[in-house]
Amino acid sequence: MRDLNKLFLRLCIVNLVLLLAYSISNYFEWGKLLVFPLVAVVNWTPLGTQIWFGGTVPIIIDGHFWVIHWSFVVMLVTIIVNLAVVWKILDMNSLKKAL
């Protein structure tokens, strides 16, 4: 039982590190859009990115574009399901040992 608890803790840490690595790489990838001439502002969040386009005058914002990061949502659901299954296995093992 103690080994399974350690496994659960390690899985939590690995999943958190993978989620952070994904978020950081995604942030820097979207930040690269600022080098394009008409991109005025890139506002990144884990669930989506807003991009404002400027025209010939840099102060005026001509357009707005929103991209939803479905891959982040899918990854988060996968992590939650993964940890829930391991949690259920831990509960089943503790129940078997109690009987």
PDB file of N, CA and C in Angstrom:
ATOM      1  N   MET A   1       0.823  -1.192   0.000  1.00  0.00           N
ATOM      2  CA  MET A   1       0.000   0.000   0.000  1.00  0.00           C
ATOM      3  C   MET A   1       0.866   1.255   0.000  1.00  0.00           C
ATOM      4  N   ARG A   2       1.935   1.218   0.762  1.00  0.00           N
ATOM      5  CA  ARG A   2       2.823   2.370   0.833  1.00  0.00           C
ATOM      6  C   ARG A   2       3.471   2.639  -0.522  1.00  0.00           C
ATOM      7  N   ASP A   3       3.784   1.568  -1.261  1.00  0.00           N
ATOM      8  CA  ASP A   3       4.368   1.724  -2.596  1.00  0.00           C
ATOM      9  C   ASP A   3       3.378   2.380  -3.551  1.00  0.00           C
ATOM     10  N   LEU A   4       2.097   2.023  -3.441  1.00  0.00           N
ATOM     11  CA  LEU A   4       1.095   2.625  -4.309  1.00  0.00           C
ATOM     12  C   LEU A   4       0.899   4.110  -3.993  1.00  0.00           C
ATOM     13  N   ASN A   5       1.001   4.473  -2.734  1.00  0.00           N
ATOM     14  CA  ASN A   5       0.917   5.890  -2.376  1.00  0.00           C
ATOM     15  C   ASN A   5       2.078   6.681  -2.966  1.00  0.00           C
ATOM     16  N   LYS A   6       3.270   6.082  -2.933  1.00  0.00           N
ATOM     17  CA  LYS A   6       4.433   6.728  -3.541  1.00  0.00           C
ATOM     18  C   LYS A   6       4.236   6.848  -5.051  1.00  0.00           C
ATOM     19  N   LEU A   7       3.676   5.818  -5.658  1.00  0.00           N
ATOM     20  CA  LEU A   7       3.408   5.849  -7.092  1.00  0.00           C
ATOM     21  C   LEU A   7       2.419   6.955  -7.431  1.00  0.00           C
ATOM     22  N   PHE A   8       1.368   7.091  -6.635  1.00  0.00           N
ATOM     23  CA  PHE A   8       0.384   8.137  -6.872  1.00  0.00           C
ATOM     24  C   PHE A   8       1.028   9.518  -6.758  1.00  0.00           C
ATOM     25  N   LEU A   9       1.859   9.717  -5.764  1.00  0.00           N
ATOM     26  CA  LEU A   9       2.536  10.995  -5.589  1.00  0.00           C
ATOM     27  C   LEU A   9       3.467  11.281  -6.764  1.00  0.00           C
ATOM     28  N   ARG A  10       4.183  10.272  -7.208  1.00  0.00           N
ATOM     29  CA  ARG A  10       5.075  10.452  -8.365  1.00  0.00           C
ATOM     30  C   ARG A  10       4.283  10.770  -9.628  1.00  0.00           C
ATOM     31  N   LEU A  11       3.147  10.108  -9.812  1.00  0.00           N
ATOM     32  CA  LEU A  11       2.316  10.416 -10.975  1.00  0.00           C
ATOM     33  C   LEU A  11       1.784  11.846 -10.916  1.00  0.00           C
ATOM     34  N   CYS A  12       1.420  12.302  -9.749  1.00  0.00           N
ATOM     35  CA  CYS A  12       0.966  13.691  -9.594  1.00  0.00           C
ATOM     36  C   CYS A  12       2.072  14.665  -9.995  1.00  0.00           C
ATOM     37  N   ILE A  13       3.278  14.402  -9.536  1.00  0.00           N
ATOM     38  CA  ILE A  13       4.408  15.285  -9.839  1.00  0.00           C
ATOM     39  C   ILE A  13       4.733  15.256 -11.325  1.00  0.00           C
ATOM     40  N   VAL A  14       4.762  14.065 -11.912  1.00  0.00           N
ATOM     41  CA  VAL A  14       5.065  13.948 -13.348  1.00  0.00           C
ATOM     42  C   VAL A  14       3.996  14.649 -14.177  1.00  0.00           C
ATOM     43  N   ASN A  15       2.738  14.455 -13.826  1.00  0.00           N
ATOM     44  CA  ASN A  15       1.667  15.118 -14.572  1.00  0.00           C
ATOM     45  C   ASN A  15       1.742  16.632 -14.441  1.00  0.00           C
ATOM     46  N   LEU A  16       2.068  17.133 -13.269  1.00  0.00           N
ATOM     47  CA  LEU A  16       2.203  18.571 -13.069  1.00  0.00           C
ATOM     48  C   LEU A  16       3.360  19.140 -13.886  1.00  0.00           C
ATOM     49  N   VAL A  17       4.483  18.422 -13.901  1.00  0.00           N
ATOM     50  CA  VAL A  17       5.638  18.874 -14.680  1.00  0.00           C
ATOM     51  C   VAL A  17       5.316  18.881 -16.168  1.00  0.00           C
ATOM     52  N   LEU A  18       4.644  17.845 -16.648  1.00  0.00           N
ATOM     53  CA  LEU A  18       4.263  17.808 -18.063  1.00  0.00           C
ATOM     54  C   LEU A  18       3.299  18.932 -18.420  1.00  0.00           C
ATOM     55  N   LEU A  19       2.353  19.224 -17.545  1.00  0.00           N
ATOM     56  CA  LEU A  19       1.408  20.308 -17.784  1.00  0.00           C
ATOM     57  C   LEU A  19       2.108  21.664 -17.799  1.00  0.00           C
ATOM     58  N   LEU A  20       3.050  21.861 -16.892  1.00  0.00           N
ATOM     59  CA  LEU A  20       3.814  23.111 -16.882  1.00  0.00           C
ATOM     60  C   LEU A  20       4.693  23.236 -18.122  1.00  0.00           C
ATOM     61  N   ALA A  21       5.332  22.159 -18.528  1.00  0.00           N
ATOM     62  CA  ALA A  21       6.171  22.188 -19.731  1.00  0.00           C
ATOM     63  C   ALA A  21       5.339  22.513 -20.960  1.00  0.00           C
ATOM     64  N   TYR A  22       4.159  21.917 -21.048  1.00  0.00           N
ATOM     65  CA  TYR A  22       3.269  22.211 -22.169  1.00  0.00           C
ATOM     66  C   TYR A  22       2.855  23.679 -22.163  1.00  0.00           C
ATOM     67  N   SER A  23       2.476  24.191 -20.997  1.00  0.00           N
ATOM     68  CA  SER A  23       2.018  25.577 -20.905  1.00  0.00           C
ATOM     69  C   SER A  23       3.128  26.560 -21.245  1.00  0.00           C
ATOM     70  N   ILE A  24       4.328  26.309 -20.744  1.00  0.00           N
ATOM     71  CA  ILE A  24       5.451  27.215 -21.019  1.00  0.00           C
ATOM     72  C   ILE A  24       5.812  27.205 -22.498  1.00  0.00           C
ATOM     73  N   SER A  25       5.879  26.029 -23.105  1.00  0.00           N
ATOM     74  CA  SER A  25       6.214  25.963 -24.535  1.00  0.00           C
ATOM     75  C   SER A  25       5.122  26.597 -25.387  1.00  0.00           C
ATOM     76  N   ASN A  26       3.864  26.412 -25.000  1.00  0.00           N
ATOM     77  CA  ASN A  26       2.752  27.018 -25.730  1.00  0.00           C
ATOM     78  C   ASN A  26       2.812  28.538 -25.622  1.00  0.00           C
ATOM     79  N   TYR A  27       3.138  29.048 -24.446  1.00  0.00           N
ATOM     80  CA  TYR A  27       3.246  30.493 -24.240  1.00  0.00           C
ATOM     81  C   TYR A  27       4.311  31.096 -25.147  1.00  0.00           C
ATOM     82  N   PHE A  28       5.485  30.489 -25.171  1.00  0.00           N
ATOM     83  CA  PHE A  28       6.565  31.033 -25.990  1.00  0.00           C
ATOM     84  C   PHE A  28       6.277  30.880 -27.480  1.00  0.00           C
ATOM     85  N   GLU A  29       5.575  29.828 -27.854  1.00  0.00           N
ATOM     86  CA  GLU A  29       5.230  29.639 -29.265  1.00  0.00           C
ATOM     87  C   GLU A  29       4.300  30.749 -29.747  1.00  0.00           C
ATOM     88  N   TRP A  30       3.265  31.058 -28.956  1.00  0.00           N
ATOM     89  CA  TRP A  30       2.353  32.125 -29.351  1.00  0.00           C
ATOM     90  C   TRP A  30       3.016  33.494 -29.259  1.00  0.00           C
ATOM     91  N   GLY A  31       3.975  33.668 -28.379  1.00  0.00           N
ATOM     92  CA  GLY A  31       4.683  34.945 -28.258  1.00  0.00           C
ATOM     93  C   GLY A  31       5.498  35.282 -29.494  1.00  0.00           C
ATOM     94  N   LYS A  32       5.845  34.269 -30.277  1.00  0.00           N
ATOM     95  CA  LYS A  32       6.619  34.506 -31.491  1.00  0.00           C
ATOM     96  C   LYS A  32       5.827  35.277 -32.544  1.00  0.00           C
ATOM     97  N   LEU A  33       4.508  35.352 -32.392  1.00  0.00           N
ATOM     98  CA  LEU A  33       3.692  36.088 -33.366  1.00  0.00           C
ATOM     99  C   LEU A  33       3.940  37.590 -33.323  1.00  0.00           C
ATOM    100  N   LEU A  34       4.524  38.076 -32.252  1.00  0.00           N
ATOM    101  CA  LEU A  34       4.751  39.516 -32.126  1.00  0.00           C
ATOM    102  C   LEU A  34       5.763  40.055 -33.138  1.00  0.00           C
ATOM    103  N   VAL A  35       6.535  39.192 -33.774  1.00  0.00           N
ATOM    104  CA  VAL A  35       7.507  39.663 -34.765  1.00  0.00           C
ATOM    105  C   VAL A  35       6.836  40.008 -36.091  1.00  0.00           C
ATOM    106  N   PHE A  36       5.592  39.575 -36.304  1.00  0.00           N
ATOM    107  CA  PHE A  36       4.896  39.911 -37.546  1.00  0.00           C
ATOM    108  C   PHE A  36       4.484  41.374 -37.523  1.00  0.00           C
ATOM    109  N   PRO A  37       4.494  42.035 -38.672  1.00  0.00           N
ATOM    110  CA  PRO A  37       4.287  43.484 -38.685  1.00  0.00           C
ATOM    111  C   PRO A  37       2.893  43.950 -38.244  1.00  0.00           C
ATOM    112  N   LEU A  38       1.842  43.196 -38.516  1.00  0.00           N
ATOM    113  CA  LEU A  38       0.494  43.664 -38.182  1.00  0.00           C
ATOM    114  C   LEU A  38       0.000  43.175 -36.822  1.00  0.00           C
ATOM    115  N   VAL A  39       0.753  42.334 -36.144  1.00  0.00           N
ATOM    116  CA  VAL A  39       0.326  41.838 -34.833  1.00  0.00           C
ATOM    117  C   VAL A  39       0.693  42.880 -33.784  1.00  0.00           C
ATOM    118  N   ALA A  40      -0.337  43.405 -33.109  1.00  0.00           N
ATOM    119  CA  ALA A  40      -0.107  44.453 -32.114  1.00  0.00           C
ATOM    120  C   ALA A  40       0.109  43.863 -30.728  1.00  0.00           C
ATOM    121  N   VAL A  41      -0.798  42.970 -30.292  1.00  0.00           N
ATOM    122  CA  VAL A  41      -0.736  42.410 -28.937  1.00  0.00           C
ATOM    123  C   VAL A  41      -1.117  40.938 -28.994  1.00  0.00           C
ATOM    124  N   VAL A  42      -0.422  40.102 -28.233  1.00  0.00           N
ATOM    125  CA  VAL A  42      -0.794  38.700 -28.059  1.00  0.00           C
ATOM    126  C   VAL A  42      -1.022  38.489 -26.568  1.00  0.00           C
ATOM    127  N   ASN A  43      -2.260  38.163 -26.210  1.00  0.00           N
ATOM    128  CA  ASN A  43      -2.618  37.916 -24.810  1.00  0.00           C
ATOM    129  C   ASN A  43      -2.843  36.411 -24.651  1.00  0.00           C
ATOM    130  N   TRP A  44      -1.891  35.730 -24.008  1.00  0.00           N
ATOM    131  CA  TRP A  44      -1.943  34.278 -23.864  1.00  0.00           C
ATOM    132  C   TRP A  44      -2.503  33.901 -22.511  1.00  0.00           C
ATOM    133  N   THR A  45      -3.414  32.936 -22.485  1.00  0.00           N
ATOM    134  CA  THR A  45      -3.871  32.284 -21.260  1.00  0.00           C
ATOM    135  C   THR A  45      -3.830  30.783 -21.532  1.00  0.00           C
ATOM    136  N   PRO A  46      -3.863  29.943 -20.503  1.00  0.00           N
ATOM    137  CA  PRO A  46      -3.818  28.499 -20.768  1.00  0.00           C
ATOM    138  C   PRO A  46      -4.994  27.993 -21.610  1.00  0.00           C
ATOM    139  N   LEU A  47      -6.135  28.648 -21.537  1.00  0.00           N
ATOM    140  CA  LEU A  47      -7.308  28.182 -22.278  1.00  0.00           C
ATOM    141  C   LEU A  47      -7.496  28.860 -23.622  1.00  0.00           C
ATOM    142  N   GLY A  48      -6.761  29.899 -23.905  1.00  0.00           N
ATOM    143  CA  GLY A  48      -6.939  30.566 -25.190  1.00  0.00           C
ATOM    144  C   GLY A  48      -5.936  31.686 -25.390  1.00  0.00           C
ATOM    145  N   THR A  49      -5.854  32.152 -26.636  1.00  0.00           N
ATOM    146  CA  THR A  49      -4.958  33.255 -26.986  1.00  0.00           C
ATOM    147  C   THR A  49      -5.750  34.290 -27.756  1.00  0.00           C
ATOM    148  N   GLN A  50      -5.628  35.542 -27.337  1.00  0.00           N
ATOM    149  CA  GLN A  50      -6.239  36.647 -28.055  1.00  0.00           C
ATOM    150  C   GLN A  50      -5.145  37.379 -28.817  1.00  0.00           C
ATOM    151  N   ILE A  51      -5.426  37.664 -30.072  1.00  0.00           N
ATOM    152  CA  ILE A  51      -4.453  38.363 -30.909  1.00  0.00           C
ATOM    153  C   ILE A  51      -5.137  39.601 -31.465  1.00  0.00           C
ATOM    154  N   TRP A  52      -4.540  40.764 -31.227  1.00  0.00           N
ATOM    155  CA  TRP A  52      -5.058  42.007 -31.787  1.00  0.00           C
ATOM    156  C   TRP A  52      -4.160  42.432 -32.937  1.00  0.00           C
ATOM    157  N   PHE A  53      -4.799  42.800 -34.038  1.00  0.00           N
ATOM    158  CA  PHE A  53      -4.067  43.226 -35.228  1.00  0.00           C
ATOM    159  C   PHE A  53      -4.145  44.741 -35.347  1.00  0.00           C
ATOM    160  N   GLY A  54      -3.017  45.338 -35.621  1.00  0.00           N
ATOM    161  CA  GLY A  54      -2.974  46.772 -35.859  1.00  0.00           C
ATOM    162  C   GLY A  54      -2.894  47.036 -37.354  1.00  0.00           C
ATOM    163  N   GLY A  55      -3.252  48.232 -37.733  1.00  0.00           N
ATOM    164  CA  GLY A  55      -3.204  48.602 -39.149  1.00  0.00           C
ATOM    165  C   GLY A  55      -1.948  49.376 -39.464  1.00  0.00           C
ATOM    166  N   THR A  56      -2.108  50.352 -40.323  1.00  0.00           N
ATOM    167  CA  THR A  56      -0.953  51.167 -40.701  1.00  0.00           C
ATOM    168  C   THR A  56      -0.548  52.102 -39.570  1.00  0.00           C
ATOM    169  N   VAL A  57      -1.520  52.510 -38.764  1.00  0.00           N
ATOM    170  CA  VAL A  57      -1.223  53.329 -37.594  1.00  0.00           C
ATOM    171  C   VAL A  57      -1.091  52.382 -36.405  1.00  0.00           C
ATOM    172  N   PRO A  58       0.051  52.353 -35.730  1.00  0.00           N
ATOM    173  CA  PRO A  58       0.267  51.352 -34.676  1.00  0.00           C
ATOM    174  C   PRO A  58      -0.686  51.454 -33.478  1.00  0.00           C
ATOM    175  N   ILE A  59      -1.261  52.631 -33.234  1.00  0.00           N
ATOM    176  CA  ILE A  59      -2.116  52.810 -32.066  1.00  0.00           C
ATOM    177  C   ILE A  59      -3.501  52.216 -32.286  1.00  0.00           C
ATOM    178  N   ILE A  60      -3.977  52.195 -33.502  1.00  0.00           N
ATOM    179  CA  ILE A  60      -5.332  51.736 -33.810  1.00  0.00           C
ATOM    180  C   ILE A  60      -5.336  50.220 -33.976  1.00  0.00           C
ATOM    181  N   ILE A  61      -6.258  49.557 -33.286  1.00  0.00           N
ATOM    182  CA  ILE A  61      -6.424  48.107 -33.407  1.00  0.00           C
ATOM    183  C   ILE A  61      -7.526  47.833 -34.430  1.00  0.00           C
ATOM    184  N   ASP A  62      -7.170  47.137 -35.500  1.00  0.00           N
ATOM    185  CA  ASP A  62      -8.122  46.880 -36.578  1.00  0.00           C
ATOM    186  C   ASP A  62      -8.875  45.565 -36.426  1.00  0.00           C
ATOM    187  N   GLY A  63      -8.287  44.604 -35.786  1.00  0.00           N
ATOM    188  CA  GLY A  63      -8.941  43.296 -35.709  1.00  0.00           C
ATOM    189  C   GLY A  63      -8.597  42.566 -34.429  1.00  0.00           C
ATOM    190  N   HIS A  64      -9.408  41.563 -34.158  1.00  0.00           N
ATOM    191  CA  HIS A  64      -9.242  40.754 -32.944  1.00  0.00           C
ATOM    192  C   HIS A  64      -9.482  39.304 -33.329  1.00  0.00           C
ATOM    193  N   PHE A  65      -8.621  38.427 -32.852  1.00  0.00           N
ATOM    194  CA  PHE A  65      -8.702  37.008 -33.198  1.00  0.00           C
ATOM    195  C   PHE A  65      -8.547  36.210 -31.914  1.00  0.00           C
ATOM    196  N   TRP A  66      -9.392  35.210 -31.699  1.00  0.00           N
ATOM    197  CA  TRP A  66      -9.379  34.387 -30.484  1.00  0.00           C
ATOM    198  C   TRP A  66      -9.160  32.934 -30.861  1.00  0.00           C
ATOM    199  N   VAL A  67      -8.165  32.291 -30.262  1.00  0.00           N
ATOM    200  CA  VAL A  67      -7.871  30.881 -30.506  1.00  0.00           C
ATOM    201  C   VAL A  67      -8.051  30.127 -29.188  1.00  0.00           C
ATOM    202  N   ILE A  68      -8.900  29.119 -29.202  1.00  0.00           N
ATOM    203  CA  ILE A  68      -9.121  28.311 -28.001  1.00  0.00           C
ATOM    204  C   ILE A  68      -8.142  27.144 -28.019  1.00  0.00           C
ATOM    205  N   HIS A  69      -7.507  26.887 -26.894  1.00  0.00           N
ATOM    206  CA  HIS A  69      -6.528  25.802 -26.785  1.00  0.00           C
ATOM    207  C   HIS A  69      -7.228  24.531 -26.317  1.00  0.00           C
ATOM    208  N   TRP A  70      -7.810  23.802 -27.254  1.00  0.00           N
ATOM    209  CA  TRP A  70      -8.504  22.557 -26.898  1.00  0.00           C
ATOM    210  C   TRP A  70      -7.535  21.504 -26.422  1.00  0.00           C
ATOM    211  N   SER A  71      -6.302  21.545 -26.892  1.00  0.00           N
ATOM    212  CA  SER A  71      -5.320  20.544 -26.474  1.00  0.00           C
ATOM    213  C   SER A  71      -5.025  20.652 -24.977  1.00  0.00           C
ATOM    214  N   PHE A  72      -5.057  21.869 -24.433  1.00  0.00           N
ATOM    215  CA  PHE A  72      -4.848  22.035 -22.996  1.00  0.00           C
ATOM    216  C   PHE A  72      -5.985  21.387 -22.217  1.00  0.00           C
ATOM    217  N   VAL A  73      -7.208  21.575 -22.682  1.00  0.00           N
ATOM    218  CA  VAL A  73      -8.374  20.993 -22.016  1.00  0.00           C
ATOM    219  C   VAL A  73      -8.312  19.471 -22.075  1.00  0.00           C
ATOM    220  N   VAL A  74      -7.962  18.925 -23.229  1.00  0.00           N
ATOM    221  CA  VAL A  74      -7.852  17.472 -23.383  1.00  0.00           C
ATOM    222  C   VAL A  74      -6.750  16.924 -22.475  1.00  0.00           C
ATOM    223  N   MET A  75      -5.627  17.620 -22.408  1.00  0.00           N
ATOM    224  CA  MET A  75      -4.535  17.171 -21.545  1.00  0.00           C
ATOM    225  C   MET A  75      -4.946  17.220 -20.072  1.00  0.00           C
ATOM    226  N   LEU A  76      -5.651  18.252 -19.677  1.00  0.00           N
ATOM    227  CA  LEU A  76      -6.107  18.371 -18.293  1.00  0.00           C
ATOM    228  C   LEU A  76      -7.089  17.266 -17.937  1.00  0.00           C
ATOM    229  N   VAL A  77      -8.013  16.954 -18.839  1.00  0.00           N
ATOM    230  CA  VAL A  77      -8.978  15.872 -18.593  1.00  0.00           C
ATOM    231  C   VAL A  77      -8.261  14.527 -18.522  1.00  0.00           C
ATOM    232  N   THR A  78      -7.270  14.322 -19.376  1.00  0.00           N
ATOM    233  CA  THR A  78      -6.502  13.074 -19.347  1.00  0.00           C
ATOM    234  C   THR A  78      -5.779  12.911 -18.018  1.00  0.00           C
ATOM    235  N   ILE A  79      -5.188  13.978 -17.523  1.00  0.00           N
ATOM    236  CA  ILE A  79      -4.496  13.919 -16.230  1.00  0.00           C
ATOM    237  C   ILE A  79      -5.478  13.606 -15.109  1.00  0.00           C
ATOM    238  N   ILE A  80      -6.634  14.255 -15.126  1.00  0.00           N
ATOM    239  CA  ILE A  80      -7.637  14.026 -14.081  1.00  0.00           C
ATOM    240  C   ILE A  80      -8.127  12.580 -14.102  1.00  0.00           C
ATOM    241  N   VAL A  81      -8.410  12.054 -15.289  1.00  0.00           N
ATOM    242  CA  VAL A  81      -8.866  10.667 -15.401  1.00  0.00           C
ATOM    243  C   VAL A  81      -7.761   9.709 -14.959  1.00  0.00           C
ATOM    244  N   ASN A  82      -6.532   9.989 -15.356  1.00  0.00           N
ATOM    245  CA  ASN A  82      -5.388   9.161 -14.979  1.00  0.00           C
ATOM    246  C   ASN A  82      -5.267   9.083 -13.459  1.00  0.00           C
ATOM    247  N   LEU A  83      -5.301  10.218 -12.797  1.00  0.00           N
ATOM    248  CA  LEU A  83      -5.166  10.234 -11.343  1.00  0.00           C
ATOM    249  C   LEU A  83      -6.381   9.631 -10.648  1.00  0.00           C
ATOM    250  N   ALA A  84      -7.559   9.803 -11.221  1.00  0.00           N
ATOM    251  CA  ALA A  84      -8.759   9.211 -10.628  1.00  0.00           C
ATOM    252  C   ALA A  84      -8.706   7.687 -10.680  1.00  0.00           C
ATOM    253  N   VAL A  85      -8.213   7.138 -11.783  1.00  0.00           N
ATOM    254  CA  VAL A  85      -8.095   5.678 -11.897  1.00  0.00           C
ATOM    255  C   VAL A  85      -7.089   5.143 -10.883  1.00  0.00           C
ATOM    256  N   VAL A  86      -5.958   5.816 -10.755  1.00  0.00           N
ATOM    257  CA  VAL A  86      -4.968   5.374  -9.776  1.00  0.00           C
ATOM    258  C   VAL A  86      -5.537   5.488  -8.368  1.00  0.00           C
ATOM    259  N   TRP A  87      -6.287   6.555  -8.102  1.00  0.00           N
ATOM    260  CA  TRP A  87      -6.913   6.736  -6.786  1.00  0.00           C
ATOM    261  C   TRP A  87      -7.882   5.587  -6.495  1.00  0.00           C
ATOM    262  N   LYS A  88      -8.675   5.200  -7.504  1.00  0.00           N
ATOM    263  CA  LYS A  88      -9.619   4.084  -7.318  1.00  0.00           C
ATOM    264  C   LYS A  88      -8.874   2.775  -7.065  1.00  0.00           C
ATOM    265  N   ILE A  89      -7.769   2.564  -7.752  1.00  0.00           N
ATOM    266  CA  ILE A  89      -6.972   1.360  -7.527  1.00  0.00           C
ATOM    267  C   ILE A  89      -6.439   1.348  -6.094  1.00  0.00           C
ATOM    268  N   LEU A  90      -5.999   2.508  -5.616  1.00  0.00           N
ATOM    269  CA  LEU A  90      -5.530   2.602  -4.232  1.00  0.00           C
ATOM    270  C   LEU A  90      -6.650   2.279  -3.251  1.00  0.00           C
ATOM    271  N   ASP A  91      -7.858   2.804  -3.524  1.00  0.00           N
ATOM    272  CA  ASP A  91      -9.001   2.526  -2.645  1.00  0.00           C
ATOM    273  C   ASP A  91      -9.365   1.036  -2.662  1.00  0.00           C
ATOM    274  N   MET A  92      -9.325   0.415  -3.838  1.00  0.00           N
ATOM    275  CA  MET A  92      -9.655  -1.001  -3.938  1.00  0.00           C
ATOM    276  C   MET A  92      -8.638  -1.856  -3.187  1.00  0.00           C
ATOM    277  N   ASN A  93      -7.364  -1.503  -3.299  1.00  0.00           N
ATOM    278  CA  ASN A  93      -6.327  -2.258  -2.589  1.00  0.00           C
ATOM    279  C   ASN A  93      -6.455  -2.099  -1.085  1.00  0.00           C
ATOM    280  N   SER A  94      -6.776  -0.903  -0.626  1.00  0.00           N
ATOM    281  CA  SER A  94      -6.926  -0.705   0.817  1.00  0.00           C
ATOM    282  C   SER A  94      -8.161  -1.429   1.329  1.00  0.00           C
ATOM    283  N   LEU A  95      -9.217  -1.522   0.505  1.00  0.00           N
ATOM    284  CA  LEU A  95     -10.427  -2.248   0.884  1.00  0.00           C
ATOM    285  C   LEU A  95     -10.154  -3.747   0.976  1.00  0.00           C
ATOM    286  N   LYS A  96      -9.372  -4.285   0.020  1.00  0.00           N
ATOM    287  CA  LYS A  96      -9.032  -5.713   0.032  1.00  0.00           C
ATOM    288  C   LYS A  96      -8.194  -6.070   1.255  1.00  0.00           C
ATOM    289  N   LYS A  97      -7.272  -5.190   1.630  1.00  0.00           N
ATOM    290  CA  LYS A  97      -6.436  -5.454   2.793  1.00  0.00           C
ATOM    291  C   LYS A  97      -7.246  -5.374   4.081  1.00  0.00           C
ATOM    292  N   ALA A  98      -8.271  -4.533   4.098  1.00  0.00           N
ATOM    293  CA  ALA A  98      -9.106  -4.412   5.300  1.00  0.00           C
ATOM    294  C   ALA A  98      -9.965  -5.654   5.494  1.00  0.00           C
ATOM    295  N   LEU A  99     -10.360  -6.283   4.382  1.00  0.00           N
ATOM    296  CA  LEU A  99     -11.186  -7.483   4.485  1.00  0.00           C
ATOM    297  C   LEU A  99     -10.298  -8.666   4.799  1.00  0.00           C
TER     298      LEU A  99
END
